[in-house]
């Protein structure tokens, strides 16, 4: 059996060396085709939220399952008695300055991610980074109180459900008008999906951060 594997490997390498790949058609630009097809200048956003929207739905679902898994796996553990956070004033100031910058970047990417480099996932990561920087410089009870007061867990679930519903409608062939290319209100439903993903990832990151602070005492 081992010789069969060796022969198959040799045959694969011979094929790679002797049979050239077909030369691409340089007269056809895939980027231009995606931009024209999606109605937004950011071709990456066009691919994620339109050309491969079916995959993106399951990426959002997998992220949701990961958050639920963290909650269930740590639910039976005893909360940590010692929570390690920054105590010195310079570190607190720098962390909160970084959190402010990350939050502004998150808002920009969530609103204009379909027009410039970035997108919903990047916006969510930036938002989660801002929340994490605040969490390591603030009391755990205060962060949890804000999370509960604004019903962040509910909004996270709502954003997932709305994203899935709108995605299914889009996959069924129903789309909004694209508008003028390059404007804020363009690309049909794509900016809405971009914003929903940003909200989902940011709030999900917030939930995971609180879980690890409570049960592990650190991030």
N, C-alpha and C. Protein backbone atom coordinates (compact mmCIF):
# COMPACT_ATOMS: atom_id res chain seq x y z
N UNK A 1 0.83 -1.21 0.00
CA UNK A 1 0.00 0.00 0.00
C UNK A 1 0.87 1.26 0.00
N UNK A 2 2.01 1.16 0.69
CA UNK A 2 2.90 2.31 0.75
C UNK A 2 3.41 2.67 -0.64
N UNK A 3 3.73 1.65 -1.44
CA UNK A 3 4.23 1.91 -2.79
C UNK A 3 3.16 2.55 -3.66
N UNK A 4 1.92 2.22 -3.40
CA UNK A 4 0.84 2.84 -4.17
C UNK A 4 0.76 4.34 -3.89
N UNK A 5 0.92 4.72 -2.61
CA UNK A 5 0.92 6.13 -2.25
C UNK A 5 2.10 6.86 -2.88
N UNK A 6 3.27 6.20 -2.88
CA UNK A 6 4.46 6.82 -3.47
C UNK A 6 4.26 7.02 -4.97
N UNK A 7 3.70 6.01 -5.64
CA UNK A 7 3.47 6.12 -7.08
C UNK A 7 2.47 7.22 -7.40
N UNK A 8 1.42 7.33 -6.57
CA UNK A 8 0.43 8.39 -6.79
C UNK A 8 1.05 9.76 -6.60
N UNK A 9 1.94 9.90 -5.59
CA UNK A 9 2.61 11.18 -5.37
C UNK A 9 3.52 11.54 -6.52
N UNK A 10 4.29 10.55 -7.05
CA UNK A 10 5.17 10.81 -8.19
C UNK A 10 4.37 11.20 -9.42
N UNK A 11 3.26 10.51 -9.65
CA UNK A 11 2.41 10.83 -10.80
C UNK A 11 1.86 12.25 -10.69
N UNK A 12 1.49 12.66 -9.47
CA UNK A 12 0.97 14.01 -9.26
C UNK A 12 2.03 15.06 -9.58
N UNK A 13 3.27 14.85 -9.14
CA UNK A 13 4.33 15.81 -9.42
C UNK A 13 4.67 15.85 -10.91
N UNK A 14 4.67 14.69 -11.57
CA UNK A 14 4.93 14.67 -13.01
C UNK A 14 3.86 15.45 -13.75
N UNK A 15 2.61 15.27 -13.33
CA UNK A 15 1.52 16.01 -13.95
C UNK A 15 1.72 17.51 -13.79
N UNK A 16 2.12 17.94 -12.56
CA UNK A 16 2.33 19.37 -12.30
C UNK A 16 3.47 19.94 -13.14
N UNK A 17 4.50 19.12 -13.41
CA UNK A 17 5.65 19.60 -14.16
C UNK A 17 5.42 19.60 -15.66
N UNK A 18 4.69 18.63 -16.17
CA UNK A 18 4.58 18.46 -17.62
C UNK A 18 3.35 19.12 -18.22
N UNK A 19 2.28 19.24 -17.46
CA UNK A 19 1.04 19.81 -17.99
C UNK A 19 0.90 21.24 -17.49
N UNK A 20 1.05 22.21 -18.36
CA UNK A 20 0.98 23.60 -17.92
C UNK A 20 -0.46 24.01 -17.61
N UNK A 21 -0.59 25.02 -16.74
CA UNK A 21 -1.90 25.57 -16.46
C UNK A 21 -2.36 26.44 -17.62
N UNK A 22 -3.65 26.49 -17.88
CA UNK A 22 -4.13 27.35 -18.98
C UNK A 22 -3.85 28.82 -18.68
N UNK A 23 -3.40 29.53 -19.68
CA UNK A 23 -3.07 30.95 -19.48
C UNK A 23 -4.36 31.75 -19.29
N UNK A 24 -4.36 32.70 -18.35
CA UNK A 24 -5.57 33.48 -18.10
C UNK A 24 -5.86 34.45 -19.24
N UNK A 25 -7.12 34.78 -19.35
CA UNK A 25 -7.55 35.76 -20.35
C UNK A 25 -7.36 37.15 -19.77
N UNK A 26 -6.25 37.80 -20.14
CA UNK A 26 -5.92 39.11 -19.57
C UNK A 26 -6.88 40.20 -20.03
N UNK A 27 -7.64 39.93 -21.08
CA UNK A 27 -8.59 40.95 -21.55
C UNK A 27 -9.82 41.02 -20.66
N UNK A 28 -9.99 40.02 -19.78
CA UNK A 28 -11.16 39.97 -18.91
C UNK A 28 -10.72 40.23 -17.47
N UNK A 29 -11.26 41.26 -16.82
CA UNK A 29 -10.90 41.60 -15.44
C UNK A 29 -11.97 41.06 -14.49
N UNK A 30 -11.56 40.15 -13.62
CA UNK A 30 -12.51 39.59 -12.66
C UNK A 30 -12.97 40.65 -11.68
N UNK A 31 -12.06 41.55 -11.28
CA UNK A 31 -12.42 42.61 -10.34
C UNK A 31 -13.50 43.51 -10.93
N UNK A 32 -13.32 43.91 -12.18
CA UNK A 32 -14.32 44.76 -12.83
C UNK A 32 -15.66 44.04 -12.93
N UNK A 33 -15.62 42.74 -13.21
CA UNK A 33 -16.86 41.97 -13.31
C UNK A 33 -17.58 41.90 -11.97
N UNK A 34 -16.82 41.71 -10.89
CA UNK A 34 -17.43 41.64 -9.56
C UNK A 34 -18.02 42.99 -9.17
N UNK A 35 -17.29 44.07 -9.44
CA UNK A 35 -17.79 45.41 -9.12
C UNK A 35 -19.07 45.71 -9.89
N UNK A 36 -19.09 45.36 -11.16
CA UNK A 36 -20.28 45.59 -11.97
C UNK A 36 -21.44 44.73 -11.50
N UNK A 37 -21.14 43.50 -11.08
CA UNK A 37 -22.18 42.56 -10.67
C UNK A 37 -22.77 42.92 -9.32
N UNK A 38 -21.94 43.45 -8.40
CA UNK A 38 -22.40 43.75 -7.05
C UNK A 38 -22.83 45.20 -6.85
N UNK A 39 -22.31 46.11 -7.66
CA UNK A 39 -22.69 47.51 -7.55
C UNK A 39 -21.93 48.27 -6.49
N UNK A 40 -20.80 47.73 -5.99
CA UNK A 40 -19.99 48.41 -4.98
C UNK A 40 -18.53 48.39 -5.40
N UNK A 41 -17.74 49.44 -5.05
CA UNK A 41 -16.33 49.48 -5.46
C UNK A 41 -15.47 48.44 -4.76
N UNK A 42 -15.83 48.04 -3.56
CA UNK A 42 -15.06 47.05 -2.81
C UNK A 42 -15.39 45.67 -3.33
N UNK A 43 -14.50 45.13 -4.19
CA UNK A 43 -14.77 43.84 -4.81
C UNK A 43 -14.80 42.71 -3.79
N UNK A 44 -14.01 42.84 -2.71
CA UNK A 44 -14.00 41.81 -1.67
C UNK A 44 -15.37 41.73 -1.00
N UNK A 45 -15.94 42.89 -0.67
CA UNK A 45 -17.28 42.91 -0.08
C UNK A 45 -18.31 42.34 -1.05
N UNK A 46 -18.13 42.64 -2.33
CA UNK A 46 -19.05 42.09 -3.33
C UNK A 46 -19.00 40.58 -3.38
N UNK A 47 -17.79 40.01 -3.26
CA UNK A 47 -17.66 38.55 -3.29
C UNK A 47 -18.26 37.94 -2.03
N UNK A 48 -17.94 38.53 -0.85
CA UNK A 48 -18.39 37.95 0.41
C UNK A 48 -19.90 38.01 0.56
N UNK A 49 -20.49 39.15 0.20
CA UNK A 49 -21.91 39.35 0.47
C UNK A 49 -22.81 39.12 -0.75
N UNK A 50 -22.22 38.70 -1.87
CA UNK A 50 -23.07 38.41 -3.02
C UNK A 50 -22.65 37.14 -3.73
N UNK A 51 -21.43 37.11 -4.28
CA UNK A 51 -21.01 35.96 -5.07
C UNK A 51 -20.90 34.69 -4.23
N UNK A 52 -20.48 34.83 -2.98
CA UNK A 52 -20.41 33.66 -2.11
C UNK A 52 -21.20 33.90 -0.82
N UNK A 53 -22.37 34.46 -0.97
CA UNK A 53 -23.23 34.77 0.18
C UNK A 53 -23.64 33.51 0.92
N UNK A 54 -23.82 32.42 0.17
CA UNK A 54 -24.21 31.15 0.80
C UNK A 54 -23.15 30.73 1.83
N UNK A 55 -21.87 30.88 1.48
CA UNK A 55 -20.79 30.54 2.42
C UNK A 55 -20.78 31.49 3.61
N UNK A 56 -21.03 32.78 3.35
CA UNK A 56 -20.98 33.78 4.41
C UNK A 56 -22.06 33.52 5.46
N UNK A 57 -23.22 33.04 5.02
CA UNK A 57 -24.28 32.71 5.98
C UNK A 57 -23.77 31.70 7.00
N UNK A 58 -23.10 30.67 6.52
CA UNK A 58 -22.63 29.63 7.44
C UNK A 58 -21.43 30.10 8.25
N UNK A 59 -20.66 31.06 7.74
CA UNK A 59 -19.58 31.63 8.55
C UNK A 59 -20.16 32.38 9.75
N UNK A 60 -21.23 33.12 9.53
CA UNK A 60 -21.89 33.82 10.63
C UNK A 60 -22.48 32.82 11.62
N UNK A 61 -23.09 31.76 11.10
CA UNK A 61 -23.67 30.74 11.98
C UNK A 61 -22.59 30.04 12.79
N UNK A 62 -21.46 29.74 12.17
CA UNK A 62 -20.35 29.09 12.89
C UNK A 62 -19.84 29.99 14.00
N UNK A 63 -19.73 31.28 13.74
CA UNK A 63 -19.28 32.23 14.77
C UNK A 63 -20.27 32.24 15.93
N UNK A 64 -21.56 32.19 15.61
CA UNK A 64 -22.59 32.15 16.66
C UNK A 64 -22.48 30.88 17.49
N UNK A 65 -22.27 29.75 16.83
CA UNK A 65 -22.13 28.48 17.54
C UNK A 65 -20.89 28.49 18.44
N UNK A 66 -19.81 29.13 17.98
CA UNK A 66 -18.60 29.21 18.78
C UNK A 66 -18.84 29.98 20.08
N UNK A 67 -19.61 31.06 19.99
CA UNK A 67 -19.93 31.85 21.19
C UNK A 67 -20.80 31.04 22.15
N UNK A 68 -21.80 30.37 21.60
CA UNK A 68 -22.65 29.52 22.44
C UNK A 68 -21.84 28.40 23.08
N UNK A 69 -20.89 27.85 22.33
CA UNK A 69 -20.05 26.79 22.87
C UNK A 69 -19.20 27.26 24.03
N UNK A 70 -18.66 28.48 23.92
CA UNK A 70 -17.86 29.03 25.02
C UNK A 70 -18.72 29.20 26.27
N UNK A 71 -19.95 29.63 26.09
CA UNK A 71 -20.85 29.81 27.24
C UNK A 71 -21.15 28.47 27.90
N UNK A 72 -21.48 27.46 27.11
CA UNK A 72 -21.87 26.17 27.67
C UNK A 72 -20.68 25.44 28.29
N UNK A 73 -19.51 25.53 27.66
CA UNK A 73 -18.35 24.82 28.18
C UNK A 73 -17.86 25.38 29.51
N UNK A 74 -18.04 26.68 29.72
CA UNK A 74 -17.56 27.30 30.95
C UNK A 74 -18.67 27.50 31.98
N UNK A 75 -19.91 27.15 31.63
CA UNK A 75 -21.03 27.42 32.53
C UNK A 75 -20.94 26.66 33.85
N UNK A 76 -20.34 25.47 33.83
CA UNK A 76 -20.26 24.65 35.04
C UNK A 76 -19.02 24.93 35.88
N UNK A 77 -18.17 25.84 35.41
CA UNK A 77 -16.96 26.16 36.17
C UNK A 77 -17.23 27.25 37.19
N UNK A 78 -16.39 27.30 38.19
CA UNK A 78 -16.51 28.32 39.22
C UNK A 78 -15.89 29.62 38.71
N UNK A 79 -16.59 30.75 38.84
CA UNK A 79 -16.01 32.03 38.40
C UNK A 79 -14.70 32.31 39.10
N UNK A 80 -13.79 32.94 38.38
CA UNK A 80 -12.48 33.25 38.93
C UNK A 80 -12.58 34.29 40.03
N UNK A 81 -11.83 34.08 41.10
CA UNK A 81 -11.82 35.05 42.20
C UNK A 81 -10.89 36.22 41.91
N UNK A 82 -9.82 35.96 41.16
CA UNK A 82 -8.85 37.00 40.84
C UNK A 82 -9.00 37.42 39.39
N UNK A 83 -9.27 38.69 39.15
CA UNK A 83 -9.40 39.23 37.80
C UNK A 83 -8.24 40.19 37.58
N UNK A 84 -7.44 39.90 36.56
CA UNK A 84 -6.22 40.68 36.30
C UNK A 84 -6.54 41.78 35.30
N UNK A 85 -6.32 43.03 35.71
CA UNK A 85 -6.57 44.17 34.86
C UNK A 85 -5.46 45.19 35.03
N UNK A 86 -5.39 46.13 34.09
CA UNK A 86 -4.42 47.21 34.22
C UNK A 86 -4.79 48.09 35.40
N UNK A 87 -3.81 48.46 36.18
CA UNK A 87 -4.03 49.31 37.34
C UNK A 87 -3.32 50.66 37.22
N UNK A 88 -2.18 50.69 36.50
CA UNK A 88 -1.43 51.94 36.41
C UNK A 88 -2.10 52.90 35.44
N UNK A 89 -2.06 54.15 35.80
CA UNK A 89 -2.77 55.18 35.03
C UNK A 89 -2.32 55.30 33.58
N UNK A 90 -1.02 55.30 33.26
CA UNK A 90 -0.60 55.41 31.85
C UNK A 90 -1.17 54.29 30.98
N UNK A 91 -1.16 53.06 31.50
CA UNK A 91 -1.69 51.94 30.71
C UNK A 91 -3.19 52.09 30.48
N UNK A 92 -3.90 52.57 31.49
CA UNK A 92 -5.35 52.77 31.35
C UNK A 92 -5.64 53.83 30.29
N UNK A 93 -4.90 54.94 30.33
CA UNK A 93 -5.11 56.02 29.36
C UNK A 93 -4.82 55.54 27.95
N UNK A 94 -3.70 54.84 27.76
CA UNK A 94 -3.34 54.35 26.43
C UNK A 94 -4.34 53.33 25.92
N UNK A 95 -4.80 52.43 26.80
CA UNK A 95 -5.77 51.41 26.38
C UNK A 95 -7.08 52.05 25.96
N UNK A 96 -7.54 53.02 26.70
CA UNK A 96 -8.81 53.67 26.35
C UNK A 96 -8.67 54.57 25.13
N UNK A 97 -7.49 55.15 24.92
CA UNK A 97 -7.25 55.88 23.68
C UNK A 97 -7.30 54.94 22.49
N UNK A 98 -6.66 53.78 22.64
CA UNK A 98 -6.72 52.78 21.58
C UNK A 98 -8.13 52.28 21.34
N UNK A 99 -8.91 52.15 22.43
CA UNK A 99 -10.30 51.73 22.29
C UNK A 99 -11.12 52.75 21.52
N UNK A 100 -10.87 54.03 21.77
CA UNK A 100 -11.58 55.09 21.04
C UNK A 100 -11.27 55.03 19.55
N UNK A 101 -9.98 54.88 19.22
CA UNK A 101 -9.58 54.80 17.82
C UNK A 101 -10.19 53.57 17.15
N UNK A 102 -10.13 52.42 17.84
CA UNK A 102 -10.69 51.18 17.28
C UNK A 102 -12.19 51.30 17.08
N UNK A 103 -12.88 51.96 18.01
CA UNK A 103 -14.33 52.13 17.88
C UNK A 103 -14.67 53.01 16.67
N UNK A 104 -13.91 54.08 16.46
CA UNK A 104 -14.15 54.94 15.30
C UNK A 104 -13.89 54.19 14.00
N UNK A 105 -12.84 53.38 13.98
CA UNK A 105 -12.56 52.57 12.79
C UNK A 105 -13.69 51.57 12.54
N UNK A 106 -14.21 50.98 13.62
CA UNK A 106 -15.30 50.02 13.49
C UNK A 106 -16.55 50.68 12.89
N UNK A 107 -16.88 51.86 13.37
CA UNK A 107 -18.05 52.57 12.84
C UNK A 107 -17.86 52.91 11.37
N UNK A 108 -16.66 53.38 11.03
CA UNK A 108 -16.36 53.72 9.63
C UNK A 108 -16.49 52.51 8.72
N UNK A 109 -15.92 51.39 9.14
CA UNK A 109 -15.97 50.18 8.31
C UNK A 109 -17.39 49.61 8.24
N UNK A 110 -18.15 49.74 9.31
CA UNK A 110 -19.52 49.22 9.30
C UNK A 110 -20.41 50.00 8.35
N UNK A 111 -20.18 51.31 8.26
CA UNK A 111 -21.02 52.16 7.42
C UNK A 111 -20.52 52.21 5.98
N UNK A 112 -19.19 52.26 5.81
CA UNK A 112 -18.62 52.45 4.48
C UNK A 112 -17.76 51.28 4.03
N UNK A 113 -17.95 50.12 4.65
CA UNK A 113 -17.13 48.97 4.29
C UNK A 113 -17.33 48.48 2.87
N UNK A 114 -18.47 48.79 2.27
CA UNK A 114 -18.72 48.38 0.88
C UNK A 114 -18.09 49.32 -0.13
N UNK A 115 -17.53 50.46 0.36
CA UNK A 115 -16.93 51.44 -0.54
C UNK A 115 -15.41 51.47 -0.45
N UNK A 116 -14.85 51.02 0.65
CA UNK A 116 -13.42 51.10 0.88
C UNK A 116 -12.91 49.76 1.40
N UNK A 117 -11.59 49.57 1.46
CA UNK A 117 -11.05 48.31 2.01
C UNK A 117 -11.57 48.06 3.42
N UNK A 118 -11.94 46.83 3.68
CA UNK A 118 -12.54 46.49 4.97
C UNK A 118 -13.92 45.90 4.74
N UNK A 119 -14.70 45.83 5.78
CA UNK A 119 -16.03 45.27 5.64
C UNK A 119 -16.60 44.92 7.00
N UNK A 120 -17.68 44.14 7.00
CA UNK A 120 -18.38 43.82 8.23
C UNK A 120 -17.54 43.05 9.22
N UNK A 121 -16.81 42.04 8.75
CA UNK A 121 -15.99 41.24 9.65
C UNK A 121 -14.87 42.08 10.25
N UNK A 122 -14.22 42.90 9.43
CA UNK A 122 -13.16 43.78 9.93
C UNK A 122 -13.72 44.80 10.92
N UNK A 123 -14.92 45.32 10.63
CA UNK A 123 -15.55 46.27 11.54
C UNK A 123 -15.87 45.61 12.88
N UNK A 124 -16.37 44.38 12.84
CA UNK A 124 -16.67 43.67 14.06
C UNK A 124 -15.43 43.40 14.90
N UNK A 125 -14.33 43.04 14.22
CA UNK A 125 -13.07 42.80 14.94
C UNK A 125 -12.57 44.09 15.59
N UNK A 126 -12.67 45.20 14.87
CA UNK A 126 -12.26 46.48 15.44
C UNK A 126 -13.14 46.85 16.63
N UNK A 127 -14.45 46.59 16.51
CA UNK A 127 -15.34 46.86 17.63
C UNK A 127 -15.04 45.96 18.82
N UNK A 128 -14.77 44.69 18.57
CA UNK A 128 -14.42 43.78 19.65
C UNK A 128 -13.11 44.18 20.31
N UNK A 129 -12.15 44.68 19.52
CA UNK A 129 -10.89 45.17 20.08
C UNK A 129 -11.12 46.35 21.01
N UNK A 130 -11.99 47.28 20.59
CA UNK A 130 -12.31 48.42 21.44
C UNK A 130 -12.94 47.97 22.76
N UNK A 131 -13.86 47.03 22.68
CA UNK A 131 -14.51 46.53 23.90
C UNK A 131 -13.50 45.81 24.79
N UNK A 132 -12.60 45.03 24.18
CA UNK A 132 -11.59 44.33 24.97
C UNK A 132 -10.65 45.29 25.69
N UNK A 133 -10.26 46.36 25.02
CA UNK A 133 -9.37 47.34 25.66
C UNK A 133 -10.06 48.04 26.82
N UNK A 134 -11.35 48.30 26.69
CA UNK A 134 -12.09 48.90 27.81
C UNK A 134 -12.24 47.89 28.93
N UNK A 135 -12.45 46.62 28.58
CA UNK A 135 -12.69 45.59 29.59
C UNK A 135 -11.48 45.36 30.48
N UNK A 136 -10.27 45.47 29.93
CA UNK A 136 -9.08 45.21 30.74
C UNK A 136 -8.68 46.42 31.57
N UNK A 137 -9.46 47.50 31.48
CA UNK A 137 -9.17 48.69 32.30
C UNK A 137 -10.37 49.09 33.14
N UNK A 138 -11.44 48.27 33.16
CA UNK A 138 -12.67 48.64 33.86
C UNK A 138 -13.13 47.48 34.75
N UNK A 139 -13.93 47.79 35.79
CA UNK A 139 -14.46 46.73 36.65
C UNK A 139 -15.35 45.77 35.86
N UNK A 140 -15.24 44.49 36.18
CA UNK A 140 -16.01 43.47 35.46
C UNK A 140 -17.50 43.66 35.65
N UNK A 141 -17.93 44.03 36.86
CA UNK A 141 -19.36 44.23 37.13
C UNK A 141 -19.92 45.38 36.30
N UNK A 142 -19.11 46.41 36.09
CA UNK A 142 -19.56 47.56 35.31
C UNK A 142 -19.76 47.17 33.85
N UNK A 143 -18.82 46.41 33.30
CA UNK A 143 -18.96 45.95 31.92
C UNK A 143 -20.17 45.04 31.76
N UNK A 144 -20.39 44.15 32.72
CA UNK A 144 -21.53 43.25 32.66
C UNK A 144 -22.84 44.01 32.77
N UNK A 145 -22.86 45.06 33.61
CA UNK A 145 -24.08 45.86 33.78
C UNK A 145 -24.46 46.57 32.49
N UNK A 146 -23.46 47.10 31.78
CA UNK A 146 -23.73 47.77 30.50
C UNK A 146 -24.22 46.77 29.47
N UNK A 147 -23.60 45.60 29.46
CA UNK A 147 -24.01 44.54 28.53
C UNK A 147 -25.47 44.15 28.76
N UNK A 148 -25.86 44.04 30.00
CA UNK A 148 -27.25 43.66 30.32
C UNK A 148 -28.21 44.82 30.10
N UNK A 149 -27.79 46.03 30.43
CA UNK A 149 -28.69 47.19 30.32
C UNK A 149 -29.12 47.43 28.89
N UNK A 150 -28.19 47.34 27.96
CA UNK A 150 -28.51 47.60 26.56
C UNK A 150 -28.90 46.33 25.79
N UNK A 151 -29.08 45.23 26.52
CA UNK A 151 -29.57 43.97 25.93
C UNK A 151 -28.73 43.57 24.72
N UNK A 152 -27.40 43.58 24.93
CA UNK A 152 -26.50 43.26 23.83
C UNK A 152 -26.69 41.83 23.34
N UNK A 153 -26.99 40.91 24.24
CA UNK A 153 -27.20 39.51 23.83
C UNK A 153 -28.40 39.39 22.90
N UNK A 154 -29.46 40.15 23.20
CA UNK A 154 -30.65 40.11 22.36
C UNK A 154 -30.36 40.70 20.98
N UNK A 155 -29.65 41.83 20.95
CA UNK A 155 -29.33 42.46 19.67
C UNK A 155 -28.42 41.57 18.83
N UNK A 156 -27.53 40.83 19.49
CA UNK A 156 -26.67 39.91 18.75
C UNK A 156 -27.49 38.84 18.05
N UNK A 157 -28.45 38.26 18.76
CA UNK A 157 -29.29 37.22 18.16
C UNK A 157 -30.17 37.79 17.06
N UNK A 158 -30.70 38.99 17.28
CA UNK A 158 -31.55 39.63 16.27
C UNK A 158 -30.75 39.90 14.99
N UNK A 159 -29.52 40.37 15.14
CA UNK A 159 -28.70 40.66 13.96
C UNK A 159 -28.44 39.40 13.14
N UNK A 160 -28.23 38.27 13.83
CA UNK A 160 -28.01 37.01 13.11
C UNK A 160 -29.26 36.60 12.35
N UNK A 161 -30.41 36.65 13.00
CA UNK A 161 -31.66 36.24 12.36
C UNK A 161 -31.99 37.14 11.16
N UNK A 162 -31.84 38.45 11.34
CA UNK A 162 -32.13 39.37 10.24
C UNK A 162 -31.17 39.14 9.09
N UNK A 163 -29.89 38.89 9.40
CA UNK A 163 -28.91 38.62 8.35
C UNK A 163 -29.30 37.39 7.55
N UNK A 164 -29.68 36.32 8.24
CA UNK A 164 -30.04 35.08 7.55
C UNK A 164 -31.28 35.30 6.69
N UNK A 165 -32.29 35.99 7.21
CA UNK A 165 -33.53 36.22 6.45
C UNK A 165 -33.24 37.04 5.20
N UNK A 166 -32.50 38.15 5.35
CA UNK A 166 -32.18 38.99 4.19
C UNK A 166 -31.31 38.24 3.18
N UNK A 167 -30.41 37.40 3.67
CA UNK A 167 -29.56 36.63 2.77
C UNK A 167 -30.37 35.63 1.96
N UNK A 168 -31.31 34.96 2.61
CA UNK A 168 -32.16 34.00 1.91
C UNK A 168 -33.00 34.71 0.85
N UNK A 169 -33.53 35.87 1.20
CA UNK A 169 -34.31 36.65 0.22
C UNK A 169 -33.44 37.03 -0.97
N UNK A 170 -32.19 37.44 -0.69
CA UNK A 170 -31.28 37.81 -1.78
C UNK A 170 -30.94 36.61 -2.66
N UNK A 171 -30.67 35.46 -2.02
CA UNK A 171 -30.36 34.25 -2.78
C UNK A 171 -31.55 33.79 -3.62
N UNK A 172 -32.77 34.15 -3.18
CA UNK A 172 -33.96 33.79 -3.95
C UNK A 172 -34.14 34.66 -5.19
N UNK A 173 -33.32 35.72 -5.31
CA UNK A 173 -33.37 36.55 -6.51
C UNK A 173 -34.00 37.91 -6.33
N UNK A 174 -34.39 38.26 -5.10
CA UNK A 174 -35.01 39.55 -4.85
C UNK A 174 -33.95 40.51 -4.31
N UNK A 175 -33.72 41.61 -5.02
CA UNK A 175 -32.69 42.55 -4.64
C UNK A 175 -33.20 43.98 -4.70
N UNK A 176 -32.56 44.85 -3.90
CA UNK A 176 -32.88 46.27 -3.93
C UNK A 176 -32.14 46.93 -5.09
N UNK A 177 -32.60 48.11 -5.52
CA UNK A 177 -31.87 48.83 -6.59
C UNK A 177 -30.43 49.13 -6.16
N UNK A 178 -29.49 49.03 -7.10
CA UNK A 178 -28.09 49.23 -6.77
C UNK A 178 -27.73 50.68 -6.49
N UNK A 179 -28.43 51.62 -7.10
CA UNK A 179 -28.09 53.02 -6.92
C UNK A 179 -26.85 53.38 -7.71
N UNK A 180 -26.26 54.53 -7.39
CA UNK A 180 -25.08 55.01 -8.10
C UNK A 180 -23.82 54.43 -7.49
N UNK A 181 -22.96 53.87 -8.32
CA UNK A 181 -21.72 53.24 -7.86
C UNK A 181 -20.85 54.26 -7.14
N UNK A 182 -20.38 53.91 -5.95
CA UNK A 182 -19.48 54.77 -5.18
C UNK A 182 -20.16 55.62 -4.14
N UNK A 183 -21.49 55.69 -4.15
CA UNK A 183 -22.21 56.47 -3.15
C UNK A 183 -22.49 55.61 -1.92
N UNK A 184 -22.83 56.27 -0.82
CA UNK A 184 -23.07 55.54 0.43
C UNK A 184 -24.24 54.59 0.31
N UNK A 185 -25.31 55.06 -0.33
CA UNK A 185 -26.49 54.22 -0.53
C UNK A 185 -26.38 53.58 -1.91
N UNK A 186 -25.66 52.49 -1.99
CA UNK A 186 -25.47 51.79 -3.25
C UNK A 186 -25.21 50.32 -2.94
N UNK A 187 -25.30 49.49 -3.96
CA UNK A 187 -25.05 48.08 -3.77
C UNK A 187 -26.24 47.28 -3.30
N UNK A 188 -27.43 47.88 -3.33
CA UNK A 188 -28.62 47.15 -2.92
C UNK A 188 -28.60 46.79 -1.45
N UNK A 189 -28.78 45.50 -1.15
CA UNK A 189 -28.84 45.01 0.23
C UNK A 189 -27.47 44.83 0.84
N UNK A 190 -26.41 44.93 0.04
CA UNK A 190 -25.06 44.63 0.52
C UNK A 190 -24.63 45.50 1.70
N UNK A 191 -24.85 46.83 1.72
CA UNK A 191 -24.45 47.63 2.89
C UNK A 191 -25.17 47.20 4.17
N UNK A 192 -26.42 46.77 4.04
CA UNK A 192 -27.17 46.32 5.21
C UNK A 192 -26.55 45.04 5.77
N UNK A 193 -26.22 44.10 4.88
CA UNK A 193 -25.58 42.86 5.33
C UNK A 193 -24.22 43.15 5.96
N UNK A 194 -23.50 44.09 5.39
CA UNK A 194 -22.20 44.48 5.94
C UNK A 194 -22.36 45.00 7.36
N UNK A 195 -23.36 45.85 7.59
CA UNK A 195 -23.59 46.43 8.92
C UNK A 195 -24.03 45.37 9.92
N UNK A 196 -24.88 44.45 9.49
CA UNK A 196 -25.36 43.39 10.39
C UNK A 196 -24.22 42.48 10.84
N UNK A 197 -23.32 42.15 9.92
CA UNK A 197 -22.17 41.32 10.29
C UNK A 197 -21.28 42.06 11.29
N UNK A 198 -21.09 43.36 11.09
CA UNK A 198 -20.28 44.15 12.01
C UNK A 198 -20.89 44.12 13.42
N UNK A 199 -22.20 44.31 13.51
CA UNK A 199 -22.88 44.28 14.81
C UNK A 199 -22.75 42.91 15.45
N UNK A 200 -22.96 41.87 14.65
CA UNK A 200 -22.90 40.51 15.17
C UNK A 200 -21.51 40.18 15.73
N UNK A 201 -20.46 40.46 14.98
CA UNK A 201 -19.11 40.11 15.40
C UNK A 201 -18.69 40.93 16.62
N UNK A 202 -19.03 42.22 16.64
CA UNK A 202 -18.66 43.07 17.78
C UNK A 202 -19.35 42.62 19.06
N UNK A 203 -20.67 42.39 18.99
CA UNK A 203 -21.41 41.97 20.18
C UNK A 203 -21.03 40.55 20.61
N UNK A 204 -20.77 39.69 19.64
CA UNK A 204 -20.30 38.34 19.98
C UNK A 204 -18.95 38.37 20.67
N UNK A 205 -18.06 39.23 20.20
CA UNK A 205 -16.76 39.37 20.85
C UNK A 205 -16.92 39.89 22.27
N UNK A 206 -17.86 40.80 22.47
CA UNK A 206 -18.13 41.33 23.80
C UNK A 206 -18.57 40.21 24.74
N UNK A 207 -19.45 39.34 24.25
CA UNK A 207 -19.93 38.22 25.07
C UNK A 207 -18.78 37.30 25.46
N UNK A 208 -17.92 36.97 24.52
CA UNK A 208 -16.79 36.07 24.80
C UNK A 208 -15.82 36.72 25.78
N UNK A 209 -15.57 38.00 25.62
CA UNK A 209 -14.66 38.71 26.53
C UNK A 209 -15.18 38.65 27.96
N UNK A 210 -16.47 38.91 28.15
CA UNK A 210 -17.05 38.85 29.49
C UNK A 210 -16.97 37.45 30.08
N UNK A 211 -17.18 36.44 29.23
CA UNK A 211 -17.12 35.05 29.70
C UNK A 211 -15.72 34.70 30.20
N UNK A 212 -14.70 35.07 29.43
CA UNK A 212 -13.34 34.72 29.82
C UNK A 212 -12.86 35.54 31.01
N UNK A 213 -13.33 36.78 31.14
CA UNK A 213 -12.98 37.55 32.33
C UNK A 213 -13.61 36.92 33.57
N UNK A 214 -14.85 36.48 33.45
CA UNK A 214 -15.56 35.93 34.60
C UNK A 214 -15.00 34.58 35.04
N UNK A 215 -14.73 33.70 34.08
CA UNK A 215 -14.33 32.34 34.44
C UNK A 215 -12.82 32.10 34.41
N UNK A 216 -12.09 32.96 33.74
CA UNK A 216 -10.64 32.77 33.66
C UNK A 216 -9.86 33.89 34.36
N UNK A 217 -10.51 35.01 34.60
CA UNK A 217 -9.84 36.10 35.28
C UNK A 217 -8.94 36.93 34.40
N UNK A 218 -8.85 36.58 33.12
CA UNK A 218 -8.01 37.33 32.18
C UNK A 218 -8.51 37.06 30.77
N UNK A 219 -7.97 37.82 29.82
CA UNK A 219 -8.40 37.69 28.43
C UNK A 219 -7.49 36.70 27.71
